[in-house]
């Protein structure tokens, strides 16, 4: 793997981390906690796909709150 490839991978990782952090911040603003929010380890291991943000698991009440916020925003 060349230096350019490593730089591209680093930039892709930083982008995914930034997206995760932005989402966590936005969810916090509406009092929603996704405790498993993170980066998908499988996508981090390969170079075929970009790193993915893993929304993870949450309590059913948090899922309902998220759905409520999304519905309000859609109208």
Protein backbone atom coordinates (compact mmCIF):
# COMPACT_ATOMS: atom_id res chain seq x y z
CA UNK A 1 0.00 0.00 0.00
CA UNK A 2 1.42 3.35 -1.02
CA UNK A 3 1.60 6.61 0.91
CA UNK A 4 -1.28 8.10 -1.11
CA UNK A 5 -3.48 5.11 -0.30
CA UNK A 6 -2.75 5.50 3.42
CA UNK A 7 -3.57 9.21 3.24
CA UNK A 8 -6.84 8.47 1.46
CA UNK A 9 -7.73 5.84 4.07
CA UNK A 10 -6.89 8.29 6.84
CA UNK A 11 -9.08 10.96 5.26
CA UNK A 12 -11.95 8.50 4.84
CA UNK A 13 -11.64 7.44 8.47
CA UNK A 14 -11.59 11.05 9.69
CA UNK A 15 -14.66 11.78 7.56
CA UNK A 16 -16.55 8.83 9.06
CA UNK A 17 -15.52 9.87 12.57
CA UNK A 18 -16.67 13.41 11.90
CA UNK A 19 -20.03 12.20 10.56
CA UNK A 20 -20.47 10.00 13.66
CA UNK A 21 -19.66 12.93 15.94
CA UNK A 22 -22.04 15.27 14.09
CA UNK A 23 -24.83 12.72 14.38
CA UNK A 24 -24.15 12.14 18.08
CA UNK A 25 -24.25 15.90 18.69
CA UNK A 26 -27.50 16.35 16.73
CA UNK A 27 -29.12 13.43 18.57
CA UNK A 28 -27.99 14.85 21.91
CA UNK A 29 -29.67 18.16 21.04
CA UNK A 30 -33.02 16.33 20.87
CA UNK A 31 -32.26 14.15 23.92
CA UNK A 32 -31.74 10.90 22.02
CA UNK A 33 -29.00 8.49 23.02
CA UNK A 34 -27.79 5.71 20.74
CA UNK A 35 -25.29 4.00 23.07
CA UNK A 36 -23.80 1.82 20.34
CA UNK A 37 -23.24 4.69 17.88
CA UNK A 38 -19.79 4.18 16.40
CA UNK A 39 -17.88 3.08 13.35
CA UNK A 40 -18.56 -0.29 11.76
CA UNK A 41 -15.50 -2.46 12.42
CA UNK A 42 -16.04 -4.63 9.33
CA UNK A 43 -15.95 -1.63 6.99
CA UNK A 44 -12.85 -0.34 8.80
CA UNK A 45 -11.02 -3.60 8.10
CA UNK A 46 -11.34 -3.41 4.33
CA UNK A 47 -10.57 -0.86 1.68
CA UNK A 48 -13.38 -1.73 -0.74
CA UNK A 49 -16.09 0.33 0.96
CA UNK A 50 -15.73 3.58 2.85
CA UNK A 51 -15.94 3.33 6.64
CA UNK A 52 -19.58 3.15 7.71
CA UNK A 53 -21.28 4.76 10.69
CA UNK A 54 -22.92 2.06 12.79
CA UNK A 55 -26.08 3.29 14.48
CA UNK A 56 -26.10 0.27 16.71
CA UNK A 57 -28.69 -0.79 19.22
CA UNK A 58 -30.89 1.29 21.44
CA UNK A 59 -33.73 0.95 23.90
CA UNK A 60 -37.19 0.83 22.27
CA UNK A 61 -38.11 4.14 23.93
CA UNK A 62 -35.13 5.80 22.22
CA UNK A 63 -36.16 4.30 18.87
CA UNK A 64 -39.64 5.75 19.34
CA UNK A 65 -38.24 9.16 20.27
CA UNK A 66 -36.06 9.12 17.18
CA UNK A 67 -39.06 8.21 15.02
CA UNK A 68 -41.05 11.03 16.63
CA UNK A 69 -38.33 13.60 15.94
CA UNK A 70 -38.01 12.44 12.33
CA UNK A 71 -41.77 12.59 11.79
CA UNK A 72 -41.97 16.11 13.20
CA UNK A 73 -39.12 17.21 10.96
CA UNK A 74 -40.77 15.65 7.88
CA UNK A 75 -43.92 17.74 8.28
